[in-house]
Protein backbone atom coordinates (compact mmCIF):
# COMPACT_ATOMS: atom_id res chain seq x y z
CA UNK A 1 0.00 0.00 0.00
CA UNK A 2 1.12 3.52 -0.68
CA UNK A 3 1.62 6.16 1.95
CA UNK A 4 -0.79 9.05 2.19
CA UNK A 5 0.47 12.45 1.21
CA UNK A 6 -0.06 15.27 3.67
CA UNK A 7 -2.75 17.67 2.57
CA UNK A 8 -1.54 21.18 2.00
CA UNK A 9 -3.81 24.15 2.19
CA UNK A 10 -3.60 26.69 -0.56
CA UNK A 11 -5.17 30.11 -0.73
CA UNK A 12 -6.51 31.55 -3.93
CA UNK A 13 -5.18 34.98 -4.89
CA UNK A 14 -6.59 37.07 -7.71
CA UNK A 15 -5.42 40.39 -9.06
CA UNK A 16 -6.05 42.51 -12.09
CA UNK A 17 -3.55 43.52 -14.75
CA UNK A 18 -3.86 46.08 -17.46
CA UNK A 19 -3.85 44.74 -21.01
CA UNK A 20 -0.26 45.93 -21.54
CA UNK A 21 0.92 44.28 -18.31
CA UNK A 22 -0.80 41.04 -19.27
CA UNK A 23 0.74 41.01 -22.74
CA UNK A 24 4.19 41.69 -21.28
CA UNK A 25 3.75 38.89 -18.73
CA UNK A 26 2.74 36.47 -21.46
CA UNK A 27 5.88 37.36 -23.45
CA UNK A 28 7.99 36.72 -20.34
CA UNK A 29 6.23 33.38 -19.77
CA UNK A 30 6.99 32.32 -23.35
CA UNK A 31 10.59 33.49 -23.02
CA UNK A 32 11.12 31.37 -19.90
CA UNK A 33 9.09 28.49 -21.39
CA UNK A 34 6.98 28.03 -18.27
CA UNK A 35 3.39 28.44 -17.10
CA UNK A 36 1.84 31.63 -15.78
CA UNK A 37 1.49 30.14 -12.27
CA UNK A 38 5.13 29.04 -12.11
CA UNK A 39 6.29 32.40 -13.47
CA UNK A 40 4.31 34.42 -10.91
CA UNK A 41 5.34 32.18 -8.00
CA UNK A 42 9.02 32.35 -9.00
CA UNK A 43 9.11 36.13 -8.96
CA UNK A 44 6.96 36.35 -5.82
CA UNK A 45 9.50 34.14 -4.02
CA UNK A 46 12.32 36.42 -5.17
CA UNK A 47 10.42 39.47 -3.94
CA UNK A 48 9.73 37.79 -0.60
CA UNK A 49 13.42 37.02 -0.17
CA UNK A 50 14.26 40.70 -0.76
CA UNK A 51 11.64 41.76 1.80
CA UNK A 52 12.62 39.20 4.46
CA UNK A 53 15.20 41.41 6.32
CA UNK A 54 12.72 44.30 6.50
CA UNK A 55 9.93 42.04 7.79
CA UNK A 56 12.21 40.52 10.45
CA UNK A 57 13.26 44.01 11.63
CA UNK A 58 9.62 45.13 11.72
CA UNK A 59 8.62 42.08 13.79
CA UNK A 60 11.40 42.80 16.29
CA UNK A 61 10.06 46.33 16.82
CA UNK A 62 6.41 45.27 17.07
CA UNK A 63 4.99 45.50 20.60
CA UNK A 64 2.63 42.89 22.00
CA UNK A 65 -0.99 43.98 22.46
CA UNK A 66 -0.93 43.37 26.21
CA UNK A 67 2.18 45.49 26.87
CA UNK A 68 1.65 48.28 29.39
CA UNK A 69 2.09 51.78 27.96
CA UNK A 70 4.24 53.64 30.49
CA UNK A 71 4.97 56.82 28.58
CA UNK A 72 2.58 58.68 26.34
CA UNK A 73 4.80 59.89 23.48
CA UNK A 74 1.97 61.34 21.41
CA UNK A 75 2.01 65.13 21.08
CA UNK A 76 -0.31 66.86 23.52
CA UNK A 77 -2.94 69.28 22.33
CA UNK A 78 -2.60 72.84 23.58
CA UNK A 79 -5.57 74.14 25.51
CA UNK A 80 -6.91 77.35 24.08
CA UNK A 81 -9.86 79.66 24.54
CA UNK A 82 -12.24 79.91 21.61
CA UNK A 83 -12.90 83.56 22.40
CA UNK A 84 -9.23 84.46 22.66
CA UNK A 85 -8.56 82.90 19.29
CA UNK A 86 -11.20 85.07 17.60
CA UNK A 87 -9.67 88.40 18.54
CA UNK A 88 -12.93 90.32 18.90
CA UNK A 89 -13.41 89.32 22.54
CA UNK A 90 -9.96 90.42 23.65
CA UNK A 91 -8.83 93.25 21.38
CA UNK A 92 -5.11 93.57 20.85
CA UNK A 93 -3.61 96.53 22.68
CA UNK A 94 -1.98 99.00 20.35
CA UNK A 95 1.55 99.99 21.18
CA UNK A 96 2.07 103.68 21.93
CA UNK A 97 5.12 105.46 20.48
C-alpha atoms as a PDB file:
ATOM      1  CA  UNK A   1       0.000   0.000   0.000  1.00  0.00           C
ATOM      2  CA  UNK A   2       1.115   3.523  -0.678  1.00  0.00           C
ATOM      3  CA  UNK A   3       1.617   6.157   1.950  1.00  0.00           C
ATOM      4  CA  UNK A   4      -0.785   9.053   2.189  1.00  0.00           C
ATOM      5  CA  UNK A   5       0.474  12.450   1.211  1.00  0.00           C
ATOM      6  CA  UNK A   6      -0.063  15.269   3.671  1.00  0.00           C
ATOM      7  CA  UNK A   7      -2.753  17.672   2.568  1.00  0.00           C
ATOM      8  CA  UNK A   8      -1.545  21.177   1.997  1.00  0.00           C
ATOM      9  CA  UNK A   9      -3.813  24.151   2.186  1.00  0.00           C
ATOM     10  CA  UNK A  10      -3.596  26.694  -0.564  1.00  0.00           C
ATOM     11  CA  UNK A  11      -5.171  30.112  -0.726  1.00  0.00           C
ATOM     12  CA  UNK A  12      -6.508  31.551  -3.932  1.00  0.00           C
ATOM     13  CA  UNK A  13      -5.178  34.981  -4.893  1.00  0.00           C
ATOM     14  CA  UNK A  14      -6.587  37.071  -7.705  1.00  0.00           C
ATOM     15  CA  UNK A  15      -5.418  40.394  -9.065  1.00  0.00           C
ATOM     16  CA  UNK A  16      -6.055  42.514 -12.095  1.00  0.00           C
ATOM     17  CA  UNK A  17      -3.548  43.524 -14.747  1.00  0.00           C
ATOM     18  CA  UNK A  18      -3.861  46.076 -17.465  1.00  0.00           C
ATOM     19  CA  UNK A  19      -3.847  44.744 -21.014  1.00  0.00           C
ATOM     20  CA  UNK A  20      -0.257  45.935 -21.544  1.00  0.00           C
ATOM     21  CA  UNK A  21       0.923  44.284 -18.309  1.00  0.00           C
ATOM     22  CA  UNK A  22      -0.800  41.036 -19.269  1.00  0.00           C
ATOM     23  CA  UNK A  23       0.739  41.010 -22.738  1.00  0.00           C
ATOM     24  CA  UNK A  24       4.193  41.688 -21.282  1.00  0.00           C
ATOM     25  CA  UNK A  25       3.753  38.894 -18.726  1.00  0.00           C
ATOM     26  CA  UNK A  26       2.736  36.466 -21.462  1.00  0.00           C
ATOM     27  CA  UNK A  27       5.878  37.358 -23.446  1.00  0.00           C
ATOM     28  CA  UNK A  28       7.989  36.722 -20.345  1.00  0.00           C
ATOM     29  CA  UNK A  29       6.232  33.383 -19.770  1.00  0.00           C
ATOM     30  CA  UNK A  30       6.988  32.319 -23.351  1.00  0.00           C
ATOM     31  CA  UNK A  31      10.592  33.492 -23.018  1.00  0.00           C
ATOM     32  CA  UNK A  32      11.115  31.374 -19.896  1.00  0.00           C
ATOM     33  CA  UNK A  33       9.092  28.494 -21.390  1.00  0.00           C
ATOM     34  CA  UNK A  34       6.978  28.030 -18.269  1.00  0.00           C
ATOM     35  CA  UNK A  35       3.393  28.442 -17.101  1.00  0.00           C
ATOM     36  CA  UNK A  36       1.836  31.633 -15.780  1.00  0.00           C
ATOM     37  CA  UNK A  37       1.494  30.137 -12.274  1.00  0.00           C
ATOM     38  CA  UNK A  38       5.129  29.041 -12.109  1.00  0.00           C
ATOM     39  CA  UNK A  39       6.287  32.402 -13.471  1.00  0.00           C
ATOM     40  CA  UNK A  40       4.309  34.421 -10.910  1.00  0.00           C
ATOM     41  CA  UNK A  41       5.343  32.177  -8.005  1.00  0.00           C
ATOM     42  CA  UNK A  42       9.022  32.350  -9.000  1.00  0.00           C
ATOM     43  CA  UNK A  43       9.110  36.130  -8.965  1.00  0.00           C
ATOM     44  CA  UNK A  44       6.957  36.345  -5.820  1.00  0.00           C
ATOM     45  CA  UNK A  45       9.496  34.140  -4.019  1.00  0.00           C
ATOM     46  CA  UNK A  46      12.324  36.424  -5.173  1.00  0.00           C
ATOM     47  CA  UNK A  47      10.417  39.475  -3.945  1.00  0.00           C
ATOM     48  CA  UNK A  48       9.729  37.793  -0.601  1.00  0.00           C
ATOM     49  CA  UNK A  49      13.423  37.015  -0.170  1.00  0.00           C
ATOM     50  CA  UNK A  50      14.258  40.702  -0.760  1.00  0.00           C
ATOM     51  CA  UNK A  51      11.635  41.765   1.795  1.00  0.00           C
ATOM     52  CA  UNK A  52      12.621  39.201   4.460  1.00  0.00           C
ATOM     53  CA  UNK A  53      15.199  41.407   6.323  1.00  0.00           C
ATOM     54  CA  UNK A  54      12.720  44.297   6.503  1.00  0.00           C
ATOM     55  CA  UNK A  55       9.928  42.037   7.794  1.00  0.00           C
ATOM     56  CA  UNK A  56      12.210  40.520  10.450  1.00  0.00           C
ATOM     57  CA  UNK A  57      13.257  44.009  11.631  1.00  0.00           C
ATOM     58  CA  UNK A  58       9.615  45.130  11.716  1.00  0.00           C
ATOM     59  CA  UNK A  59       8.616  42.085  13.789  1.00  0.00           C
ATOM     60  CA  UNK A  60      11.401  42.797  16.292  1.00  0.00           C
ATOM     61  CA  UNK A  61      10.059  46.333  16.816  1.00  0.00           C
ATOM     62  CA  UNK A  62       6.413  45.273  17.070  1.00  0.00           C
ATOM     63  CA  UNK A  63       4.993  45.495  20.600  1.00  0.00           C
ATOM     64  CA  UNK A  64       2.626  42.890  22.002  1.00  0.00           C
ATOM     65  CA  UNK A  65      -0.993  43.983  22.458  1.00  0.00           C
ATOM     66  CA  UNK A  66      -0.926  43.370  26.215  1.00  0.00           C
ATOM     67  CA  UNK A  67       2.180  45.489  26.868  1.00  0.00           C
ATOM     68  CA  UNK A  68       1.655  48.281  29.390  1.00  0.00           C
ATOM     69  CA  UNK A  69       2.094  51.778  27.957  1.00  0.00           C
ATOM     70  CA  UNK A  70       4.236  53.637  30.490  1.00  0.00           C
ATOM     71  CA  UNK A  71       4.970  56.819  28.582  1.00  0.00           C
ATOM     72  CA  UNK A  72       2.580  58.683  26.336  1.00  0.00           C
ATOM     73  CA  UNK A  73       4.797  59.885  23.483  1.00  0.00           C
ATOM     74  CA  UNK A  74       1.972  61.336  21.413  1.00  0.00           C
ATOM     75  CA  UNK A  75       2.006  65.132  21.078  1.00  0.00           C
ATOM     76  CA  UNK A  76      -0.310  66.856  23.518  1.00  0.00           C
ATOM     77  CA  UNK A  77      -2.938  69.283  22.329  1.00  0.00           C
ATOM     78  CA  UNK A  78      -2.597  72.839  23.581  1.00  0.00           C
ATOM     79  CA  UNK A  79      -5.575  74.136  25.505  1.00  0.00           C
ATOM     80  CA  UNK A  80      -6.907  77.354  24.076  1.00  0.00           C
ATOM     81  CA  UNK A  81      -9.864  79.658  24.539  1.00  0.00           C
ATOM     82  CA  UNK A  82     -12.241  79.911  21.610  1.00  0.00           C
ATOM     83  CA  UNK A  83     -12.897  83.564  22.403  1.00  0.00           C
ATOM     84  CA  UNK A  84      -9.226  84.465  22.663  1.00  0.00           C
ATOM     85  CA  UNK A  85      -8.559  82.901  19.286  1.00  0.00           C
ATOM     86  CA  UNK A  86     -11.196  85.067  17.601  1.00  0.00           C
ATOM     87  CA  UNK A  87      -9.668  88.403  18.536  1.00  0.00           C
ATOM     88  CA  UNK A  88     -12.928  90.323  18.900  1.00  0.00           C
ATOM     89  CA  UNK A  89     -13.407  89.322  22.537  1.00  0.00           C
ATOM     90  CA  UNK A  90      -9.962  90.423  23.653  1.00  0.00           C
ATOM     91  CA  UNK A  91      -8.830  93.249  21.376  1.00  0.00           C
ATOM     92  CA  UNK A  92      -5.111  93.572  20.850  1.00  0.00           C
ATOM     93  CA  UNK A  93      -3.611  96.530  22.681  1.00  0.00           C
ATOM     94  CA  UNK A  94      -1.983  99.001  20.354  1.00  0.00           C
ATOM     95  CA  UNK A  95       1.553  99.993  21.179  1.00  0.00           C
ATOM     96  CA  UNK A  96       2.074 103.683  21.931  1.00  0.00           C
ATOM     97  CA  UNK A  97       5.121 105.460  20.485  1.00  0.00           C
END
